[in-house]
C-alpha cells in the first residue's frame, strides 16, 4: 500500500513539470468612438490581428515601456489597460478605443 502511494505521489508531482498548454487566441472587442474594432490576440505567437483599411493585418509584439505595442512597420496597435489606439506611419488614425466587456 505504501509503495502504491509513493508511486502515485511521484506520478502526480511530475504533472506539475509539464509546460502549460498554449493559451487560445482571444477576441477583444473595442469601441473607438462609433467605430467597432475587433482584435485577435495570440499570446502564444506574441501578435495581434485585425482588419483595417479593408485588409487583414498581423502585428508582432514590440518592446514598450508601458502597455502593449504591436507593429509591422506600417501599422501600430497600442493598448494599456482598457484603452487602445492605432497608428499608420506614426500618425494616429484610430483613437479613444475602449475595451468592451465580454458577453
N, C-alpha and C. Protein backbone atom coordinates (compact mmCIF):
# COMPACT_ATOMS: atom_id res chain seq x y z
N UNK A 1 0.83 -1.20 0.00
CA UNK A 1 0.00 0.00 0.00
C UNK A 1 0.87 1.26 0.00
N UNK A 2 1.90 1.24 0.84
CA UNK A 2 2.79 2.40 0.93
C UNK A 2 3.48 2.64 -0.42
N UNK A 3 3.84 1.56 -1.08
CA UNK A 3 4.52 1.66 -2.37
C UNK A 3 3.59 2.30 -3.42
N UNK A 4 2.31 1.92 -3.40
CA UNK A 4 1.34 2.50 -4.33
C UNK A 4 1.18 3.99 -4.07
N UNK A 5 1.12 4.40 -2.83
CA UNK A 5 1.00 5.83 -2.50
C UNK A 5 2.22 6.60 -2.97
N UNK A 6 3.40 6.03 -2.78
CA UNK A 6 4.63 6.71 -3.22
C UNK A 6 4.65 6.87 -4.74
N UNK A 7 4.27 5.82 -5.47
CA UNK A 7 4.25 5.89 -6.93
C UNK A 7 3.22 6.92 -7.41
N UNK A 8 2.06 6.95 -6.78
CA UNK A 8 1.02 7.91 -7.16
C UNK A 8 1.51 9.33 -6.92
N UNK A 9 2.16 9.55 -5.79
CA UNK A 9 2.69 10.88 -5.48
C UNK A 9 3.74 11.29 -6.50
N UNK A 10 4.62 10.38 -6.87
CA UNK A 10 5.65 10.70 -7.86
C UNK A 10 5.02 11.02 -9.22
N UNK A 11 4.04 10.24 -9.62
CA UNK A 11 3.40 10.49 -10.91
C UNK A 11 2.68 11.84 -10.93
N UNK A 12 1.97 12.15 -9.86
CA UNK A 12 1.23 13.42 -9.80
C UNK A 12 2.17 14.60 -9.71
N UNK A 13 3.28 14.47 -9.01
CA UNK A 13 4.22 15.60 -8.90
C UNK A 13 4.88 15.87 -10.24
N UNK A 14 5.04 14.85 -11.08
CA UNK A 14 5.61 15.04 -12.40
C UNK A 14 4.70 15.86 -13.31
N UNK A 15 3.41 15.84 -13.04
CA UNK A 15 2.47 16.61 -13.86
C UNK A 15 2.74 18.10 -13.77
N UNK A 16 3.23 18.56 -12.64
CA UNK A 16 3.49 19.99 -12.50
C UNK A 16 4.71 20.43 -13.29
N UNK A 17 5.51 19.47 -13.76
CA UNK A 17 6.69 19.81 -14.55
C UNK A 17 6.35 19.98 -16.03
N UNK A 18 5.14 19.61 -16.41
CA UNK A 18 4.72 19.75 -17.80
C UNK A 18 4.51 21.24 -18.11
N UNK A 19 4.94 21.69 -19.30
CA UNK A 19 4.70 23.09 -19.65
C UNK A 19 3.20 23.34 -19.80
N UNK A 20 2.76 24.55 -19.49
CA UNK A 20 1.33 24.83 -19.63
C UNK A 20 0.92 24.80 -21.09
N UNK A 21 -0.32 24.44 -21.32
CA UNK A 21 -0.84 24.43 -22.68
C UNK A 21 -0.88 25.85 -23.22
N UNK A 22 -0.60 26.04 -24.52
CA UNK A 22 -0.65 27.40 -25.06
C UNK A 22 -2.05 27.99 -24.91
N UNK A 23 -2.09 29.27 -24.60
CA UNK A 23 -3.38 29.91 -24.42
C UNK A 23 -4.05 30.10 -25.77
N UNK A 24 -5.35 29.96 -25.81
CA UNK A 24 -6.05 30.13 -27.09
C UNK A 24 -6.04 31.60 -27.52
N UNK A 25 -6.35 31.81 -28.76
CA UNK A 25 -6.45 33.17 -29.29
C UNK A 25 -7.67 33.83 -28.64
N UNK A 26 -7.47 35.04 -28.14
CA UNK A 26 -8.55 35.81 -27.53
C UNK A 26 -9.09 36.81 -28.54
N UNK A 27 -10.41 36.98 -28.55
CA UNK A 27 -11.03 38.00 -29.38
C UNK A 27 -11.43 39.16 -28.47
N UNK A 28 -10.87 40.33 -28.75
CA UNK A 28 -11.13 41.53 -27.97
C UNK A 28 -11.96 42.49 -28.81
N UNK A 29 -12.99 43.03 -28.20
CA UNK A 29 -13.87 43.97 -28.89
C UNK A 29 -13.68 45.37 -28.30
N UNK A 30 -13.27 46.30 -29.15
CA UNK A 30 -13.09 47.70 -28.74
C UNK A 30 -14.16 48.56 -29.39
N UNK A 31 -14.47 49.66 -28.75
CA UNK A 31 -15.35 50.69 -29.32
C UNK A 31 -14.47 51.93 -29.40
N UNK A 32 -14.26 52.42 -30.63
CA UNK A 32 -13.41 53.59 -30.87
C UNK A 32 -14.32 54.70 -31.38
N UNK A 33 -14.88 55.48 -30.46
CA UNK A 33 -15.91 56.44 -30.84
C UNK A 33 -17.13 55.66 -31.29
N UNK A 34 -17.50 55.77 -32.57
CA UNK A 34 -18.61 54.98 -33.10
C UNK A 34 -18.13 53.76 -33.88
N UNK A 35 -16.82 53.62 -34.03
CA UNK A 35 -16.22 52.54 -34.82
C UNK A 35 -15.93 51.32 -33.95
N UNK A 36 -16.46 50.14 -34.33
CA UNK A 36 -16.07 48.93 -33.62
C UNK A 36 -14.73 48.42 -34.16
N UNK A 37 -13.90 47.87 -33.31
CA UNK A 37 -12.63 47.29 -33.71
C UNK A 37 -12.49 45.95 -33.01
N UNK A 38 -12.40 44.88 -33.79
CA UNK A 38 -12.23 43.53 -33.24
C UNK A 38 -10.78 43.12 -33.44
N UNK A 39 -10.13 42.76 -32.35
CA UNK A 39 -8.72 42.41 -32.35
C UNK A 39 -8.56 40.97 -31.87
N UNK A 40 -7.80 40.17 -32.62
CA UNK A 40 -7.46 38.82 -32.19
C UNK A 40 -6.09 38.86 -31.55
N UNK A 41 -6.02 38.44 -30.29
CA UNK A 41 -4.77 38.44 -29.54
C UNK A 41 -4.27 37.02 -29.39
N UNK A 42 -3.10 36.75 -29.94
CA UNK A 42 -2.48 35.42 -29.86
C UNK A 42 -1.22 35.54 -29.01
N UNK A 43 -1.37 35.27 -27.70
CA UNK A 43 -0.23 35.40 -26.79
C UNK A 43 0.86 34.39 -27.09
N UNK A 44 0.50 33.19 -27.55
CA UNK A 44 1.50 32.17 -27.86
C UNK A 44 2.43 32.63 -28.98
N UNK A 45 1.90 33.39 -29.92
CA UNK A 45 2.71 33.88 -31.05
C UNK A 45 3.13 35.33 -30.87
N UNK A 46 2.72 35.96 -29.77
CA UNK A 46 3.06 37.36 -29.48
C UNK A 46 2.64 38.29 -30.61
N UNK A 47 1.36 38.17 -31.02
CA UNK A 47 0.88 39.02 -32.11
C UNK A 47 -0.61 39.30 -31.97
N UNK A 48 -1.03 40.36 -32.66
CA UNK A 48 -2.44 40.69 -32.78
C UNK A 48 -2.78 40.77 -34.26
N UNK A 49 -4.07 40.61 -34.55
CA UNK A 49 -4.54 40.73 -35.93
C UNK A 49 -5.89 41.43 -35.93
N UNK A 50 -6.13 42.26 -36.94
CA UNK A 50 -7.41 42.93 -37.10
C UNK A 50 -7.53 43.40 -38.55
N UNK A 51 -8.72 43.84 -38.92
CA UNK A 51 -8.96 44.33 -40.28
C UNK A 51 -8.98 45.85 -40.23
N UNK A 52 -8.19 46.45 -41.11
CA UNK A 52 -8.15 47.91 -41.21
C UNK A 52 -7.90 48.30 -42.67
N UNK A 53 -8.50 49.37 -43.11
CA UNK A 53 -8.37 49.82 -44.50
C UNK A 53 -8.70 48.69 -45.48
N UNK A 54 -9.66 47.83 -45.09
CA UNK A 54 -10.10 46.76 -45.97
C UNK A 54 -9.16 45.57 -46.07
N UNK A 55 -8.13 45.54 -45.25
CA UNK A 55 -7.20 44.41 -45.29
C UNK A 55 -6.92 43.88 -43.90
N UNK A 56 -6.64 42.59 -43.82
CA UNK A 56 -6.28 41.97 -42.55
C UNK A 56 -4.80 42.22 -42.30
N UNK A 57 -4.48 42.70 -41.12
CA UNK A 57 -3.08 42.94 -40.76
C UNK A 57 -2.74 42.15 -39.50
N UNK A 58 -1.51 41.66 -39.47
CA UNK A 58 -0.99 40.95 -38.31
C UNK A 58 0.23 41.71 -37.83
N UNK A 59 0.24 42.03 -36.55
CA UNK A 59 1.31 42.84 -35.98
C UNK A 59 2.02 42.05 -34.88
N UNK A 60 3.34 42.08 -34.90
CA UNK A 60 4.15 41.39 -33.90
C UNK A 60 4.38 42.29 -32.69
N UNK A 61 4.48 41.68 -31.53
CA UNK A 61 4.71 42.43 -30.29
C UNK A 61 6.07 43.11 -30.35
N UNK A 62 6.10 44.35 -29.86
CA UNK A 62 7.32 45.17 -29.82
C UNK A 62 7.61 45.55 -28.37
N UNK A 63 8.80 46.01 -28.12
CA UNK A 63 9.16 46.48 -26.79
C UNK A 63 8.42 47.77 -26.51
N UNK A 64 7.83 47.86 -25.32
CA UNK A 64 7.10 49.06 -24.91
C UNK A 64 7.43 49.34 -23.45
N UNK A 65 7.63 50.60 -23.13
CA UNK A 65 7.91 50.98 -21.76
C UNK A 65 6.69 50.78 -20.87
N UNK A 66 5.52 50.96 -21.45
CA UNK A 66 4.28 50.83 -20.68
C UNK A 66 3.18 50.35 -21.62
N UNK A 67 2.37 49.42 -21.17
CA UNK A 67 1.30 48.90 -22.00
C UNK A 67 1.83 47.85 -22.97
N UNK A 68 1.07 47.61 -24.03
CA UNK A 68 1.46 46.63 -25.05
C UNK A 68 1.48 47.31 -26.40
N UNK A 69 2.50 47.00 -27.19
CA UNK A 69 2.67 47.62 -28.50
C UNK A 69 2.93 46.51 -29.52
N UNK A 70 2.20 46.58 -30.64
CA UNK A 70 2.36 45.61 -31.72
C UNK A 70 2.51 46.41 -33.02
N UNK A 71 3.40 45.96 -33.90
CA UNK A 71 3.63 46.73 -35.12
C UNK A 71 4.14 45.84 -36.25
N UNK A 72 3.92 46.29 -37.49
CA UNK A 72 4.50 45.64 -38.67
C UNK A 72 5.32 46.65 -39.47
N UNK A 73 5.60 47.81 -38.89
CA UNK A 73 6.35 48.85 -39.58
C UNK A 73 5.46 49.91 -40.20
N UNK A 74 4.26 49.53 -40.60
CA UNK A 74 3.28 50.47 -41.14
C UNK A 74 2.22 50.78 -40.11
N UNK A 75 1.59 49.74 -39.59
CA UNK A 75 0.54 49.89 -38.58
C UNK A 75 1.10 49.56 -37.20
N UNK A 76 0.61 50.28 -36.20
CA UNK A 76 0.96 50.02 -34.81
C UNK A 76 -0.30 50.04 -33.97
N UNK A 77 -0.46 49.03 -33.14
CA UNK A 77 -1.57 48.94 -32.21
C UNK A 77 -1.00 49.07 -30.81
N UNK A 78 -1.45 50.08 -30.07
CA UNK A 78 -1.03 50.31 -28.69
C UNK A 78 -2.22 50.05 -27.76
N UNK A 79 -1.97 49.39 -26.66
CA UNK A 79 -3.02 49.24 -25.66
C UNK A 79 -2.42 49.33 -24.28
N UNK A 80 -3.21 49.87 -23.37
CA UNK A 80 -2.82 49.96 -21.97
C UNK A 80 -4.11 49.95 -21.17
N UNK A 81 -4.22 49.00 -20.27
CA UNK A 81 -5.45 48.85 -19.52
C UNK A 81 -6.58 48.54 -20.48
N UNK A 82 -7.67 49.29 -20.40
CA UNK A 82 -8.82 49.09 -21.29
C UNK A 82 -8.80 50.00 -22.51
N UNK A 83 -7.77 50.83 -22.64
CA UNK A 83 -7.69 51.77 -23.76
C UNK A 83 -6.74 51.30 -24.84
N UNK A 84 -6.96 51.81 -26.06
CA UNK A 84 -6.09 51.46 -27.18
C UNK A 84 -6.20 52.52 -28.27
N UNK A 85 -5.22 52.50 -29.19
CA UNK A 85 -5.30 53.32 -30.39
C UNK A 85 -4.45 52.67 -31.48
N UNK A 86 -4.67 53.10 -32.73
CA UNK A 86 -3.98 52.54 -33.89
C UNK A 86 -3.29 53.68 -34.63
N UNK A 87 -2.05 53.43 -35.05
CA UNK A 87 -1.29 54.38 -35.86
C UNK A 87 -1.02 53.77 -37.23
N UNK A 88 -0.91 54.64 -38.24
CA UNK A 88 -0.42 54.25 -39.56
C UNK A 88 0.70 55.22 -39.89
N UNK A 89 1.86 54.69 -40.17
CA UNK A 89 3.04 55.51 -40.46
C UNK A 89 3.25 56.58 -39.38
N UNK A 90 3.17 56.17 -38.13
CA UNK A 90 3.43 57.03 -36.96
C UNK A 90 2.40 58.13 -36.74
N UNK A 91 1.25 58.05 -37.39
CA UNK A 91 0.18 59.03 -37.17
C UNK A 91 -1.05 58.28 -36.65
N UNK A 92 -1.65 58.79 -35.59
CA UNK A 92 -2.83 58.16 -35.01
C UNK A 92 -3.98 58.25 -36.00
N UNK A 93 -4.57 57.08 -36.33
CA UNK A 93 -5.71 57.07 -37.26
C UNK A 93 -6.98 56.58 -36.57
N UNK A 94 -6.85 55.85 -35.47
CA UNK A 94 -8.00 55.41 -34.68
C UNK A 94 -7.64 55.65 -33.23
N UNK A 95 -8.48 56.43 -32.55
CA UNK A 95 -8.17 56.86 -31.18
C UNK A 95 -9.35 56.57 -30.26
N UNK A 96 -9.11 56.78 -28.98
CA UNK A 96 -10.16 56.66 -27.96
C UNK A 96 -10.86 55.30 -27.97
N UNK A 97 -10.11 54.23 -28.18
CA UNK A 97 -10.70 52.89 -28.17
C UNK A 97 -10.82 52.40 -26.73
N UNK A 98 -11.98 51.87 -26.41
CA UNK A 98 -12.25 51.31 -25.08
C UNK A 98 -12.64 49.86 -25.23
N UNK A 99 -11.99 49.00 -24.47
CA UNK A 99 -12.30 47.58 -24.47
C UNK A 99 -13.71 47.37 -23.94
N UNK A 100 -14.50 46.61 -24.67
CA UNK A 100 -15.88 46.33 -24.28
C UNK A 100 -15.92 45.06 -23.44
N UNK A 101 -16.84 45.00 -22.48
CA UNK A 101 -16.93 43.80 -21.67
C UNK A 101 -17.31 42.58 -22.51
N UNK A 102 -16.80 41.42 -22.11
CA UNK A 102 -17.14 40.18 -22.81
C UNK A 102 -18.60 39.85 -22.57
N UNK A 103 -19.24 39.27 -23.56
CA UNK A 103 -20.66 38.90 -23.43
C UNK A 103 -20.80 37.63 -22.64
